[in-house]
Amino acid sequence: MIYVMATSSTERVMLPDRAARLLTEVLSPAVLVAGVLFAVAWASVESPASALLMGVIAAAAASFLPIAYILYGVRRGAWTDRHVGVRAQRTLPMLVCLGSTACGAVALALAGAPRDLLALIVCMAAALLVATPITLLARWKISIHSLVAAGTAVTFTVVFGWALLFTWPMAAAVGWSRVQLRDHTTAQVLAGALVGACATGLLYPALR
């Protein structure tokens, strides 16, 4: 009986961590960035084929290539995990992500991408331009998960209207997961959310 009670107690303690891990993986920056770029491409381009092409260009630059580089680095042992949880290991991943996203903005401009999509990827690059020196120079691990989740929620609201307010609790859940897993402090999560929300809530409407 004592063993059963101890096991049940342990399982209850582990449940929040399991939920947090699931949220961290399912709503990772790579997933959300690709999702919001494809959604905006679909909403701003009349031809499905063109929307797919523009979405692929944007998502490849801002999501697929950076995460492929990170996974390659994990396999080589350059960093500990695909979320690059150790701040000191984030230099190259963040610079690659920033450079790739910026190149994606140039590629979209040359391809004649719709203004909404081009503005969004520029905002993503701008948010990274703020987060990168905070992480690398100030040596403070601002939450990229929270930055992307908040930016995604605000983008969906700006583009598709207030009917998508349900994405805001999603962003809050992502922030909770990062604190629950002890990968970030509450301040780092809030700072990330602020940068992401400002990039898409203030800069994006001004550019689109």
Protein backbone atom coordinates (compact mmCIF):
# COMPACT_ATOMS: atom_id res chain seq x y z
CA MET A 1 0.00 0.00 0.00
CA ILE A 2 2.81 2.41 0.88
CA TYR A 3 4.54 1.59 -2.43
CA VAL A 4 1.34 2.21 -4.43
CA MET A 5 0.75 5.56 -2.71
CA ALA A 6 4.36 6.62 -3.32
CA THR A 7 4.08 5.67 -6.98
CA SER A 8 0.83 7.61 -7.42
CA SER A 9 2.36 10.65 -5.75
CA THR A 10 5.39 10.49 -8.05
CA GLU A 11 3.15 10.23 -11.11
CA ARG A 12 1.17 13.32 -9.99
CA VAL A 13 4.39 15.25 -9.62
CA MET A 14 5.59 14.17 -13.08
CA LEU A 15 2.35 15.05 -14.90
CA PRO A 16 3.02 18.82 -15.09
CA ASP A 17 6.51 18.16 -16.44
CA ARG A 18 5.13 15.79 -19.06
CA ALA A 19 2.54 18.36 -20.13
CA ALA A 20 5.22 21.05 -20.24
CA ARG A 21 7.50 18.86 -22.33
CA LEU A 22 4.65 18.13 -24.76
CA LEU A 23 3.89 21.85 -25.15
CA THR A 24 7.57 22.67 -25.62
CA GLU A 25 7.86 20.12 -28.44
CA VAL A 26 4.51 20.53 -30.20
CA LEU A 27 4.61 24.35 -30.05
CA SER A 28 8.33 24.74 -30.65
CA PRO A 29 9.63 27.82 -32.51
CA ALA A 30 10.29 25.82 -35.69
CA VAL A 31 6.71 24.52 -35.76
CA LEU A 32 5.05 27.85 -35.00
CA VAL A 33 7.23 29.86 -37.38
CA ALA A 34 6.49 27.52 -40.28
CA GLY A 35 2.79 27.42 -39.41
CA VAL A 36 2.27 31.17 -39.22
CA LEU A 37 4.27 31.82 -42.40
CA PHE A 38 2.24 29.29 -44.39
CA ALA A 39 -1.00 30.70 -42.95
CA VAL A 40 -0.14 34.28 -43.91
CA ALA A 41 1.06 33.16 -47.35
CA TRP A 42 -2.25 31.36 -47.89
CA ALA A 43 -4.24 34.40 -46.78
CA SER A 44 -2.31 36.93 -48.86
CA VAL A 45 -1.80 35.10 -52.19
CA GLU A 46 -4.71 34.32 -54.49
CA SER A 47 -3.19 31.32 -56.27
CA PRO A 48 -2.76 28.19 -54.11
CA ALA A 49 0.38 27.28 -56.05
CA SER A 50 1.89 30.72 -55.43
CA ALA A 51 0.90 30.59 -51.77
CA LEU A 52 2.63 27.22 -51.43
CA LEU A 53 5.77 28.49 -53.18
CA MET A 54 5.99 31.65 -51.07
CA GLY A 55 5.26 29.69 -47.92
CA VAL A 56 7.99 27.18 -48.69
CA ILE A 57 10.55 29.95 -49.35
CA ALA A 58 9.66 31.73 -46.10
CA ALA A 59 9.43 28.61 -43.95
CA ALA A 60 12.65 27.15 -45.37
CA ALA A 61 14.58 30.29 -44.46
CA ALA A 62 13.06 30.97 -41.04
CA SER A 63 12.30 27.44 -39.84
CA PHE A 64 13.46 24.42 -41.86
CA LEU A 65 17.08 25.41 -42.49
CA PRO A 66 17.78 26.72 -38.96
CA ILE A 67 16.29 23.65 -37.27
CA ALA A 68 18.15 21.35 -39.68
CA TYR A 69 21.39 23.10 -38.75
CA ILE A 70 20.62 22.75 -35.05
CA LEU A 71 19.75 19.05 -35.35
CA TYR A 72 22.98 18.49 -37.27
CA GLY A 73 24.86 20.21 -34.46
CA VAL A 74 23.15 18.03 -31.85
CA ARG A 75 24.18 14.89 -33.73
CA ARG A 76 27.77 16.17 -33.83
CA GLY A 77 27.68 16.94 -30.12
CA ALA A 78 28.10 20.69 -30.64
CA TRP A 79 25.12 21.40 -28.36
CA THR A 80 23.12 19.39 -25.90
CA ASP A 81 19.62 19.38 -27.40
CA ARG A 82 17.51 20.76 -30.25
CA HIS A 83 16.30 23.63 -28.05
CA VAL A 84 19.92 24.58 -27.28
CA GLY A 85 19.17 24.87 -23.58
CA VAL A 86 22.69 25.90 -22.62
CA ARG A 87 23.04 29.65 -23.15
CA ALA A 88 26.75 29.48 -23.95
CA GLN A 89 25.97 27.16 -26.88
CA ARG A 90 23.49 29.54 -28.53
CA THR A 91 25.93 31.76 -30.43
CA LEU A 92 26.06 29.93 -33.76
CA PRO A 93 22.42 28.71 -33.76
CA MET A 94 21.08 32.22 -33.16
CA LEU A 95 23.38 33.82 -35.72
CA VAL A 96 22.46 31.18 -38.30
CA CYS A 97 18.76 31.66 -37.57
CA LEU A 98 19.07 35.44 -37.88
CA GLY A 99 21.10 35.24 -41.08
CA SER A 100 18.84 32.64 -42.67
CA THR A 101 15.69 34.61 -41.81
CA ALA A 102 17.19 37.80 -43.23
CA CYS A 103 18.16 35.97 -46.42
CA GLY A 104 14.61 34.65 -46.61
CA ALA A 105 13.28 38.21 -46.50
CA VAL A 106 15.56 39.13 -49.41
CA ALA A 107 14.51 36.04 -51.36
CA LEU A 108 10.82 36.82 -50.84
CA ALA A 109 11.33 40.41 -51.96
CA LEU A 110 13.06 39.23 -55.14
CA ALA A 111 10.30 36.69 -55.74
CA GLY A 112 7.64 39.39 -55.53
CA ALA A 113 6.06 38.07 -52.34
CA PRO A 114 2.91 39.76 -51.02
CA ARG A 115 3.49 42.62 -48.64
CA ASP A 116 1.88 40.84 -45.68
CA LEU A 117 4.24 37.87 -45.91
CA LEU A 118 7.33 39.97 -46.54
CA ALA A 119 6.48 42.22 -43.59
CA LEU A 120 6.06 39.20 -41.32
CA ILE A 121 9.46 37.68 -42.06
CA VAL A 122 11.08 41.11 -41.67
CA CYS A 123 9.46 41.33 -38.23
CA MET A 124 10.83 37.90 -37.37
CA ALA A 125 14.32 39.04 -38.33
CA ALA A 126 13.84 42.22 -36.30
CA ALA A 127 12.80 40.23 -33.22
CA LEU A 128 15.88 38.04 -33.56
CA LEU A 129 17.98 41.15 -34.01
CA VAL A 130 16.82 42.21 -30.54
CA ALA A 131 17.01 38.78 -28.90
CA THR A 132 20.44 37.82 -30.23
CA PRO A 133 22.53 40.51 -28.49
CA ILE A 134 20.52 40.04 -25.30
CA THR A 135 21.52 36.38 -25.33
CA LEU A 136 25.06 36.65 -26.63
CA LEU A 137 26.28 40.00 -25.28
CA ALA A 138 24.19 40.50 -22.16
CA ARG A 139 24.50 36.75 -21.46
CA TRP A 140 20.85 36.47 -20.49
CA LYS A 141 18.85 33.56 -21.93
CA ILE A 142 15.74 35.30 -23.23
CA SER A 143 13.10 32.73 -24.18
CA ILE A 144 12.85 32.19 -27.94
CA HIS A 145 9.94 29.78 -27.39
CA SER A 146 8.00 32.55 -25.69
CA LEU A 147 9.07 35.16 -28.24
CA VAL A 148 7.81 33.07 -31.15
CA ALA A 149 4.62 31.95 -29.39
CA ALA A 150 3.62 35.51 -28.49
CA GLY A 151 4.55 36.76 -31.94
CA THR A 152 2.49 34.02 -33.55
CA ALA A 153 -0.57 34.77 -31.41
CA VAL A 154 -0.43 38.48 -32.19
CA THR A 155 0.13 37.82 -35.91
CA PHE A 156 -2.91 35.56 -36.14
CA THR A 157 -5.00 38.23 -34.41
CA VAL A 158 -3.73 41.03 -36.67
CA VAL A 159 -4.21 39.05 -39.90
CA PHE A 160 -7.29 36.98 -39.16
CA GLY A 161 -9.10 39.04 -36.55
CA TRP A 162 -10.13 38.73 -32.93
CA ALA A 163 -11.74 35.34 -33.57
CA LEU A 164 -8.27 33.89 -33.11
CA LEU A 165 -7.82 35.21 -29.58
CA PHE A 166 -7.61 31.56 -28.50
CA THR A 167 -4.01 31.61 -29.70
CA TRP A 168 -3.09 33.91 -26.79
CA PRO A 169 -3.67 31.23 -24.12
CA MET A 170 -1.49 29.00 -26.33
CA ALA A 171 1.34 31.52 -26.00
CA ALA A 172 0.81 31.67 -22.24
CA ALA A 173 0.93 27.87 -22.07
CA VAL A 174 4.24 27.82 -23.93
CA GLY A 175 5.66 30.34 -21.47
CA TRP A 176 4.46 28.25 -18.54
CA SER A 177 6.08 25.14 -20.02
CA ARG A 178 9.49 26.81 -20.23
CA VAL A 179 9.36 27.86 -16.58
CA GLN A 180 7.95 24.51 -15.47
CA LEU A 181 10.84 22.69 -17.13
CA ARG A 182 13.26 25.13 -15.49
CA ASP A 183 14.73 26.04 -18.88
CA HIS A 184 13.92 29.73 -18.29
CA THR A 185 12.99 32.08 -15.49
CA THR A 186 9.67 33.90 -15.47
CA ALA A 187 11.49 37.13 -16.36
CA GLN A 188 13.13 35.52 -19.40
CA VAL A 189 9.78 34.20 -20.60
CA LEU A 190 8.06 37.57 -20.15
CA ALA A 191 10.91 39.36 -21.91
CA GLY A 192 10.68 36.99 -24.85
CA ALA A 193 6.92 37.46 -25.06
CA LEU A 194 7.35 41.23 -24.99
CA VAL A 195 9.84 41.22 -27.87
CA GLY A 196 7.69 38.89 -29.97
CA ALA A 197 4.46 40.77 -29.27
CA CYS A 198 6.02 44.16 -30.05
CA ALA A 199 7.55 42.93 -33.30
CA THR A 200 4.23 41.66 -34.63
CA GLY A 201 1.89 43.98 -32.75
CA LEU A 202 3.65 47.26 -33.51
CA LEU A 203 6.13 46.76 -36.35
CA TYR A 204 4.10 44.32 -38.44
CA PRO A 205 0.99 46.53 -38.83
CA ALA A 206 3.26 49.43 -39.79
CA LEU A 207 4.99 47.42 -42.54
CA ARG A 208 2.13 45.45 -44.07
